[in-house]
C-alpha atoms as a PDB file:
ATOM      1  CA  MET A   1      18.723  42.299-164.533  1.00  0.00           C
ATOM      2  CA  SER A   2      21.306  40.445-166.347  1.00  0.00           C
ATOM      3  CA  VAL A   3      20.576  36.522-167.422  1.00  0.00           C
ATOM      4  CA  PRO A   4      22.223  34.247-165.004  1.00  0.00           C
ATOM      5  CA  LEU A   5      24.927  31.741-166.974  1.00  0.00           C
ATOM      6  CA  ALA A   6      22.501  29.294-164.737  1.00  0.00           C
ATOM      7  CA  TYR A   7      20.478  28.719-162.038  1.00  0.00           C
ATOM      8  CA  PHE A   8      21.455  26.562-159.200  1.00  0.00           C
ATOM      9  CA  ILE A   9      18.685  24.875-157.616  1.00  0.00           C
ATOM     10  CA  THR A  10      18.382  22.712-154.132  1.00  0.00           C
ATOM     11  CA  PHE A  11      15.452  21.610-152.731  1.00  0.00           C
ATOM     12  CA  THR A  12      14.944  19.326-149.756  1.00  0.00           C
ATOM     13  CA  THR A  13      12.099  16.692-149.186  1.00  0.00           C
ATOM     14  CA  TYR A  14       9.279  17.232-146.367  1.00  0.00           C
ATOM     15  CA  GLY A  15      10.705  17.848-143.089  1.00  0.00           C
ATOM     16  CA  THR A  16      14.308  16.612-143.494  1.00  0.00           C
ATOM     17  CA  TRP A  17      16.208  19.916-143.539  1.00  0.00           C
ATOM     18  CA  LEU A  18      14.538  22.076-140.850  1.00  0.00           C
ATOM     19  CA  HIS A  19      14.876  25.600-139.987  1.00  0.00           C
ATOM     20  CA  GLY A  20      17.028  26.243-136.871  1.00  0.00           C
ATOM     21  CA  ARG A  21      19.556  23.486-137.421  1.00  0.00           C
ATOM     22  CA  ASP A  22      23.146  23.382-137.640  1.00  0.00           C
ATOM     23  CA  PRO A  23      24.688  23.828-140.524  1.00  0.00           C
ATOM     24  CA  ALA A  24      22.618  26.527-140.972  1.00  0.00           C
ATOM     25  CA  SER A  25      19.608  27.183-143.771  1.00  0.00           C
ATOM     26  CA  VAL A  26      17.831  29.838-145.777  1.00  0.00           C
ATOM     27  CA  ASP A  27      14.460  31.246-145.878  1.00  0.00           C
ATOM     28  CA  ARG A  28      12.555  33.798-147.617  1.00  0.00           C
ATOM     29  CA  ASP A  29      14.235  36.311-145.414  1.00  0.00           C
ATOM     30  CA  HIS A  30      17.599  35.259-145.708  1.00  0.00           C
ATOM     31  CA  ASN A  31      18.139  34.011-149.357  1.00  0.00           C
ATOM     32  CA  ILE A  32      20.159  36.854-150.941  1.00  0.00           C
ATOM     33  CA  PRO A  33      23.435  36.068-152.425  1.00  0.00           C
ATOM     34  CA  GLY A  34      26.192  36.771-150.384  1.00  0.00           C
ATOM     35  CA  THR A  35      24.103  37.559-147.022  1.00  0.00           C
ATOM     36  CA  PRO A  36      24.367  35.316-143.677  1.00  0.00           C
ATOM     37  CA  PHE A  37      22.587  32.101-143.356  1.00  0.00           C
ATOM     38  CA  LEU A  38      19.984  31.686-140.309  1.00  0.00           C
ATOM     39  CA  PRO A  39      21.910  31.069-137.376  1.00  0.00           C
ATOM     40  CA  ALA A  40      21.692  27.288-135.640  1.00  0.00           C
ATOM     41  CA  ASN A  41      18.958  27.508-132.857  1.00  0.00           C
ATOM     42  CA  PRO A  42      17.921  24.111-131.265  1.00  0.00           C
ATOM     43  CA  ASP A  43      14.774  25.756-129.906  1.00  0.00           C
ATOM     44  CA  LEU A  44      13.765  26.620-133.165  1.00  0.00           C
ATOM     45  CA  GLU A  45      14.774  23.610-135.020  1.00  0.00           C
ATOM     46  CA  GLU A  46      12.821  21.364-131.959  1.00  0.00           C
ATOM     47  CA  TRP A  47       9.542  23.708-132.517  1.00  0.00           C
ATOM     48  CA  ARG A  48       9.505  23.156-136.275  1.00  0.00           C
ATOM     49  CA  ARG A  49       9.980  19.088-135.978  1.00  0.00           C
ATOM     50  CA  GLN A  50       6.977  19.322-133.902  1.00  0.00           C
ATOM     51  CA  SER A  51       5.157  20.978-136.351  1.00  0.00           C
ATOM     52  CA  LEU A  52       5.425  18.353-138.593  1.00  0.00           C
ATOM     53  CA  ARG A  53       2.133  17.035-139.837  1.00  0.00           C
ATOM     54  CA  GLU A  54       3.659  13.641-140.866  1.00  0.00           C
ATOM     55  CA  ASP A  55       7.109  11.956-140.586  1.00  0.00           C
ATOM     56  CA  PRO A  56      10.304  12.946-142.655  1.00  0.00           C
ATOM     57  CA  TYR A  57      10.011  11.871-146.524  1.00  0.00           C
ATOM     58  CA  PHE A  58      13.044  10.335-147.645  1.00  0.00           C
ATOM     59  CA  LEU A  59      13.731   8.960-151.392  1.00  0.00           C
ATOM     60  CA  ASP A  60      14.141   5.501-151.892  1.00  0.00           C
ATOM     61  CA  GLU A  61      16.234   4.321-155.225  1.00  0.00           C
ATOM     62  CA  ALA A  62      13.072   4.068-157.298  1.00  0.00           C
ATOM     63  CA  ARG A  63      11.607   7.805-156.261  1.00  0.00           C
ATOM     64  CA  ARG A  64      15.192   9.235-156.721  1.00  0.00           C
ATOM     65  CA  ARG A  65      14.832   7.588-160.360  1.00  0.00           C
ATOM     66  CA  ILE A  66      11.495   9.054-160.713  1.00  0.00           C
ATOM     67  CA  VAL A  67      12.274  12.756-159.951  1.00  0.00           C
ATOM     68  CA  LEU A  68      15.531  12.249-162.103  1.00  0.00           C
ATOM     69  CA  HIS A  69      13.227  11.427-164.745  1.00  0.00           C
ATOM     70  CA  THR A  70      10.788  13.843-164.106  1.00  0.00           C
ATOM     71  CA  ILE A  71      13.340  16.418-164.425  1.00  0.00           C
ATOM     72  CA  GLN A  72      14.934  15.687-167.401  1.00  0.00           C
ATOM     73  CA  GLU A  73      11.526  15.596-168.935  1.00  0.00           C
ATOM     74  CA  VAL A  74      10.191  18.919-167.715  1.00  0.00           C
ATOM     75  CA  SER A  75      14.048  20.411-168.735  1.00  0.00           C
ATOM     76  CA  THR A  76      13.446  18.981-172.254  1.00  0.00           C
ATOM     77  CA  HIS A  77       9.502  20.323-172.401  1.00  0.00           C
ATOM     78  CA  ARG A  78      10.272  23.159-171.551  1.00  0.00           C
ATOM     79  CA  GLY A  79      13.318  23.857-173.631  1.00  0.00           C
ATOM     80  CA  TRP A  80      15.726  24.062-171.083  1.00  0.00           C
ATOM     81  CA  ARG A  81      19.571  23.382-170.781  1.00  0.00           C
ATOM     82  CA  LEU A  82      20.115  20.667-168.195  1.00  0.00           C
ATOM     83  CA  TRP A  83      23.742  20.791-166.731  1.00  0.00           C
ATOM     84  CA  ALA A  84      23.546  18.790-164.018  1.00  0.00           C
ATOM     85  CA  VAL A  85      21.162  16.896-161.751  1.00  0.00           C
ATOM     86  CA  HIS A  86      21.913  14.908-158.259  1.00  0.00           C
ATOM     87  CA  VAL A  87      19.009  13.412-156.480  1.00  0.00           C
ATOM     88  CA  ARG A  88      19.843  12.189-152.983  1.00  0.00           C
ATOM     89  CA  THR A  89      17.781  10.606-150.277  1.00  0.00           C
ATOM     90  CA  ASN A  90      16.748  13.874-148.809  1.00  0.00           C
ATOM     91  CA  HIS A  91      17.587  16.465-151.475  1.00  0.00           C
ATOM     92  CA  VAL A  92      18.098  17.622-154.871  1.00  0.00           C
ATOM     93  CA  HIS A  93      20.684  19.496-156.425  1.00  0.00           C
ATOM     94  CA  ILE A  94      19.909  21.112-160.291  1.00  0.00           C
ATOM     95  CA  VAL A  95      21.941  23.116-162.481  1.00  0.00           C
ATOM     96  CA  VAL A  96      19.692  24.481-165.263  1.00  0.00           C
ATOM     97  CA  THR A  97      19.375  27.116-168.204  1.00  0.00           C
ATOM     98  CA  ALA A  98      16.351  28.571-168.952  1.00  0.00           C
ATOM     99  CA  PRO A  99      16.506  30.309-172.250  1.00  0.00           C
ATOM    100  CA  PRO A 100      15.612  34.250-172.428  1.00  0.00           C
ATOM    101  CA  LYS A 101      12.354  33.939-173.500  1.00  0.00           C
ATOM    102  CA  THR A 102      11.283  32.707-170.065  1.00  0.00           C
ATOM    103  CA  LYS A 103       9.979  35.976-168.437  1.00  0.00           C
ATOM    104  CA  ARG A 104      10.798  35.542-164.711  1.00  0.00           C
ATOM    105  CA  PRO A 105      13.317  33.735-162.754  1.00  0.00           C
ATOM    106  CA  ASN A 106      10.987  31.996-160.321  1.00  0.00           C
ATOM    107  CA  THR A 107       9.260  30.476-163.845  1.00  0.00           C
ATOM    108  CA  VAL A 108      11.991  27.149-163.121  1.00  0.00           C
ATOM    109  CA  ARG A 109      11.069  27.240-159.245  1.00  0.00           C
ATOM    110  CA  THR A 110       7.177  27.695-159.950  1.00  0.00           C
ATOM    111  CA  GLU A 111       7.583  24.372-162.859  1.00  0.00           C
ATOM    112  CA  ARG A 112       9.396  22.343-160.427  1.00  0.00           C
ATOM    113  CA  LYS A 113       6.728  22.939-157.431  1.00  0.00           C
ATOM    114  CA  ARG A 114       4.008  22.124-159.782  1.00  0.00           C
ATOM    115  CA  THR A 115       5.819  19.308-161.360  1.00  0.00           C
ATOM    116  CA  SER A 116       6.722  17.770-157.448  1.00  0.00           C
ATOM    117  CA  ARG A 117       2.842  18.145-156.956  1.00  0.00           C
ATOM    118  CA  LYS A 118       1.679  16.100-159.854  1.00  0.00           C
ATOM    119  CA  ARG A 119       2.652  12.664-158.860  1.00  0.00           C
END
């Protein structure tokens, strides 16, 4: 497998982008580039909404700054090149290059998950 030029990572805050919504979403079974997204399904979206254990979580300005700083800090610590990061109220976009010494592509996502629970 060739090393990608960069990883484009997008993640959402809790409860703000539910499967079944329009526009579409992806899940673990529909997450291969070039394949169709999950189609809109209002019943699935409502079921997901009813299954939430907490209210949807939105990032205010102070929390967006914390998320941005944490992403920058982790990227520096890991030796990743952070090309772009955009922290919104309900989602985050990151473009990052991980050096070849990173063994698995999932390392970037795993680290992001670990640090998002840290604070």
